[in-house]
Amino acid sequence: GISPKRLVSETELPFIKIMIQKRHILIHNGGIVDQQYLDLSGDSSVRLDERISVRSNEAKRFIENVRVMAANLLDNVEYGFEER
């Protein structure tokens, strides 16, 4: 049978967006906030030139969201991207 659709909650999307941008700024800018980070992330908790951090609870929440997105992708590959 077809497994139920596994979707990330719409309420998680702003968080996922911030985490993807945090990863980018950590890798490419030494964790220092630049204007592009502010523009793309929508993160209002930091200021320009401030060093960002990722708390363990954020990392765990992000990993869980990525797990759900990956499972959804695998479901869609397996079932041919059919609308269920």
N, C-alpha and C. Protein backbone atom coordinates (compact mmCIF):
# COMPACT_ATOMS: atom_id res chain seq x y z
N GLY A 1 0.81 -1.18 0.00
CA GLY A 1 0.00 0.00 0.00
C GLY A 1 0.86 1.25 0.00
N ILE A 2 0.22 2.34 -0.23
CA ILE A 2 0.91 3.63 -0.27
C ILE A 2 1.00 4.18 1.14
N SER A 3 2.19 4.58 1.53
CA SER A 3 2.37 5.14 2.87
C SER A 3 1.80 6.55 2.91
N PRO A 4 1.41 7.03 4.09
CA PRO A 4 0.86 8.38 4.19
C PRO A 4 1.92 9.42 3.82
N LYS A 5 1.43 10.51 3.28
CA LYS A 5 2.32 11.60 2.88
C LYS A 5 2.95 12.22 4.13
N ARG A 6 4.27 12.36 4.10
CA ARG A 6 4.98 12.95 5.23
C ARG A 6 5.41 14.35 4.83
N LEU A 7 4.83 15.32 5.46
CA LEU A 7 5.11 16.71 5.10
C LEU A 7 5.63 17.46 6.31
N VAL A 8 6.50 18.42 6.03
CA VAL A 8 6.95 19.34 7.07
C VAL A 8 5.82 20.33 7.31
N SER A 9 5.56 20.62 8.55
CA SER A 9 4.52 21.58 8.90
C SER A 9 4.84 22.96 8.33
N GLU A 10 3.83 23.64 7.81
CA GLU A 10 4.01 25.00 7.28
C GLU A 10 4.62 25.92 8.32
N THR A 11 4.32 25.67 9.59
CA THR A 11 4.84 26.53 10.65
C THR A 11 6.35 26.37 10.83
N GLU A 12 6.91 25.29 10.29
CA GLU A 12 8.35 25.04 10.39
C GLU A 12 9.15 25.73 9.29
N LEU A 13 8.47 26.19 8.24
CA LEU A 13 9.18 26.74 7.08
C LEU A 13 10.06 27.96 7.41
N PRO A 14 9.58 28.94 8.20
CA PRO A 14 10.48 30.05 8.55
C PRO A 14 11.72 29.58 9.32
N PHE A 15 11.55 28.61 10.21
CA PHE A 15 12.68 28.06 10.97
C PHE A 15 13.68 27.37 10.03
N ILE A 16 13.17 26.57 9.11
CA ILE A 16 14.04 25.88 8.15
C ILE A 16 14.81 26.89 7.31
N LYS A 17 14.13 27.94 6.89
CA LYS A 17 14.79 28.98 6.09
C LYS A 17 15.94 29.62 6.87
N ILE A 18 15.70 29.94 8.12
CA ILE A 18 16.75 30.52 8.97
C ILE A 18 17.91 29.54 9.13
N MET A 19 17.60 28.27 9.38
CA MET A 19 18.67 27.30 9.61
C MET A 19 19.52 27.08 8.37
N ILE A 20 18.90 27.07 7.20
CA ILE A 20 19.67 26.93 5.96
C ILE A 20 20.59 28.13 5.79
N GLN A 21 20.10 29.32 6.10
CA GLN A 21 20.93 30.51 6.00
C GLN A 21 22.01 30.54 7.09
N LYS A 22 21.68 30.04 8.29
CA LYS A 22 22.70 29.97 9.35
C LYS A 22 23.84 29.05 8.91
N ARG A 23 23.49 27.92 8.33
CA ARG A 23 24.52 27.00 7.84
C ARG A 23 25.41 27.71 6.83
N HIS A 24 24.80 28.44 5.93
CA HIS A 24 25.56 29.15 4.90
C HIS A 24 26.52 30.17 5.53
N ILE A 25 26.03 30.94 6.49
CA ILE A 25 26.85 31.99 7.10
C ILE A 25 27.95 31.38 7.98
N LEU A 26 27.68 30.25 8.61
CA LEU A 26 28.71 29.57 9.40
C LEU A 26 29.83 29.05 8.51
N ILE A 27 29.48 28.48 7.38
CA ILE A 27 30.47 27.89 6.47
C ILE A 27 31.23 28.96 5.70
N HIS A 28 30.52 29.97 5.21
CA HIS A 28 31.11 30.91 4.26
C HIS A 28 31.51 32.26 4.84
N ASN A 29 31.09 32.57 6.07
CA ASN A 29 31.38 33.89 6.61
C ASN A 29 31.83 33.83 8.08
N GLY A 30 32.29 32.67 8.49
CA GLY A 30 32.79 32.53 9.85
C GLY A 30 31.76 32.79 10.93
N GLY A 31 30.48 32.66 10.57
CA GLY A 31 29.41 32.86 11.55
C GLY A 31 29.03 34.31 11.78
N ILE A 32 29.62 35.23 11.00
CA ILE A 32 29.34 36.66 11.18
C ILE A 32 28.20 37.07 10.24
N VAL A 33 27.16 37.65 10.81
CA VAL A 33 25.97 38.06 10.05
C VAL A 33 26.34 39.15 9.05
N ASP A 34 25.93 38.93 7.80
CA ASP A 34 26.06 39.97 6.79
C ASP A 34 24.66 40.37 6.31
N GLN A 35 24.61 41.37 5.45
CA GLN A 35 23.31 41.87 5.00
C GLN A 35 22.54 40.81 4.22
N GLN A 36 23.24 40.01 3.45
CA GLN A 36 22.55 38.96 2.68
C GLN A 36 21.86 37.97 3.62
N TYR A 37 22.54 37.62 4.73
CA TYR A 37 21.91 36.73 5.71
C TYR A 37 20.62 37.35 6.23
N LEU A 38 20.68 38.61 6.62
CA LEU A 38 19.49 39.29 7.14
C LEU A 38 18.38 39.32 6.11
N ASP A 39 18.73 39.60 4.85
CA ASP A 39 17.72 39.69 3.79
C ASP A 39 17.09 38.33 3.49
N LEU A 40 17.90 37.28 3.43
CA LEU A 40 17.41 35.98 3.02
C LEU A 40 16.77 35.17 4.14
N SER A 41 17.24 35.35 5.36
CA SER A 41 16.77 34.50 6.45
C SER A 41 15.49 34.99 7.11
N GLY A 42 15.30 36.30 7.14
CA GLY A 42 14.18 36.85 7.90
C GLY A 42 14.43 36.79 9.40
N ASP A 43 15.65 36.48 9.81
CA ASP A 43 16.01 36.35 11.22
C ASP A 43 16.11 37.75 11.84
N SER A 44 15.19 38.04 12.75
CA SER A 44 15.19 39.36 13.41
C SER A 44 15.85 39.31 14.78
N SER A 45 16.44 38.15 15.13
CA SER A 45 17.04 38.01 16.45
C SER A 45 18.52 38.39 16.47
N VAL A 46 19.08 38.71 15.31
CA VAL A 46 20.50 39.08 15.22
C VAL A 46 20.65 40.38 14.44
N ARG A 47 21.83 40.99 14.61
CA ARG A 47 22.15 42.24 13.91
C ARG A 47 23.36 42.04 13.01
N LEU A 48 23.52 42.96 12.10
CA LEU A 48 24.65 42.96 11.18
C LEU A 48 25.96 42.87 11.96
N ASP A 49 26.87 42.07 11.49
CA ASP A 49 28.21 41.86 12.06
C ASP A 49 28.22 41.10 13.38
N GLU A 50 27.08 40.64 13.83
CA GLU A 50 27.02 39.83 15.06
C GLU A 50 27.37 38.38 14.70
N ARG A 51 27.97 37.66 15.63
CA ARG A 51 28.26 36.23 15.41
C ARG A 51 27.03 35.42 15.78
N ILE A 52 26.62 34.55 14.88
CA ILE A 52 25.47 33.69 15.16
C ILE A 52 25.94 32.40 15.83
N SER A 53 25.00 31.73 16.44
CA SER A 53 25.26 30.41 17.01
C SER A 53 24.06 29.53 16.72
N VAL A 54 24.26 28.24 16.86
CA VAL A 54 23.18 27.27 16.70
C VAL A 54 23.10 26.49 17.99
N ARG A 55 21.95 26.59 18.66
CA ARG A 55 21.75 25.86 19.91
C ARG A 55 21.44 24.40 19.61
N SER A 56 21.72 23.53 20.55
CA SER A 56 21.52 22.09 20.32
C SER A 56 20.06 21.78 20.02
N ASN A 57 19.13 22.47 20.68
CA ASN A 57 17.72 22.20 20.40
C ASN A 57 17.34 22.63 18.98
N GLU A 58 17.98 23.68 18.46
CA GLU A 58 17.75 24.09 17.08
C GLU A 58 18.30 23.04 16.12
N ALA A 59 19.48 22.54 16.41
CA ALA A 59 20.09 21.52 15.55
C ALA A 59 19.21 20.27 15.50
N LYS A 60 18.73 19.83 16.65
CA LYS A 60 17.87 18.64 16.71
C LYS A 60 16.57 18.87 15.95
N ARG A 61 15.97 20.04 16.12
CA ARG A 61 14.72 20.37 15.42
C ARG A 61 14.96 20.40 13.91
N PHE A 62 16.08 20.99 13.48
CA PHE A 62 16.39 21.07 12.06
C PHE A 62 16.64 19.68 11.48
N ILE A 63 17.38 18.84 12.21
CA ILE A 63 17.64 17.47 11.75
C ILE A 63 16.34 16.71 11.58
N GLU A 64 15.42 16.87 12.50
CA GLU A 64 14.12 16.19 12.38
C GLU A 64 13.37 16.67 11.14
N ASN A 65 13.40 17.98 10.87
CA ASN A 65 12.74 18.51 9.68
C ASN A 65 13.39 17.96 8.41
N VAL A 66 14.72 17.89 8.39
CA VAL A 66 15.42 17.35 7.22
C VAL A 66 15.07 15.87 7.04
N ARG A 67 14.96 15.14 8.15
CA ARG A 67 14.58 13.73 8.07
C ARG A 67 13.20 13.58 7.41
N VAL A 68 12.25 14.41 7.81
CA VAL A 68 10.90 14.34 7.23
C VAL A 68 10.93 14.72 5.75
N MET A 69 11.71 15.77 5.40
CA MET A 69 11.81 16.16 3.99
C MET A 69 12.43 15.04 3.16
N ALA A 70 13.45 14.38 3.69
CA ALA A 70 14.10 13.29 2.97
C ALA A 70 13.15 12.11 2.80
N ALA A 71 12.40 11.78 3.84
CA ALA A 71 11.43 10.68 3.75
C ALA A 71 10.37 11.01 2.71
N ASN A 72 9.93 12.25 2.67
CA ASN A 72 8.94 12.68 1.68
C ASN A 72 9.51 12.54 0.28
N LEU A 73 10.76 12.97 0.09
CA LEU A 73 11.40 12.84 -1.22
C LEU A 73 11.48 11.37 -1.64
N LEU A 74 11.90 10.51 -0.72
CA LEU A 74 11.99 9.08 -1.03
C LEU A 74 10.61 8.49 -1.35
N ASP A 75 9.60 8.90 -0.59
CA ASP A 75 8.23 8.45 -0.89
C ASP A 75 7.85 8.84 -2.31
N ASN A 76 8.16 10.09 -2.68
CA ASN A 76 7.78 10.58 -4.00
C ASN A 76 8.55 9.87 -5.11
N VAL A 77 9.81 9.56 -4.87
CA VAL A 77 10.58 8.81 -5.86
C VAL A 77 9.97 7.42 -6.02
N GLU A 78 9.68 6.80 -4.89
CA GLU A 78 9.12 5.43 -4.92
C GLU A 78 7.75 5.38 -5.57
N TYR A 79 6.92 6.40 -5.31
CA TYR A 79 5.56 6.36 -5.79
C TYR A 79 5.32 7.28 -6.99
N GLY A 80 6.38 7.79 -7.59
CA GLY A 80 6.25 8.52 -8.84
C GLY A 80 5.67 9.90 -8.74
N PHE A 81 5.84 10.58 -7.61
CA PHE A 81 5.38 11.96 -7.43
C PHE A 81 3.89 12.12 -7.72
N GLU A 82 3.14 11.09 -7.40
CA GLU A 82 1.69 11.17 -7.60
C GLU A 82 1.08 11.95 -6.44
N GLU A 83 0.05 12.73 -6.75
CA GLU A 83 -0.68 13.45 -5.70
C GLU A 83 -1.53 12.43 -4.97
N ARG A 84 -1.36 12.42 -3.62
CA ARG A 84 -2.14 11.47 -2.83
C ARG A 84 -3.07 12.21 -1.92
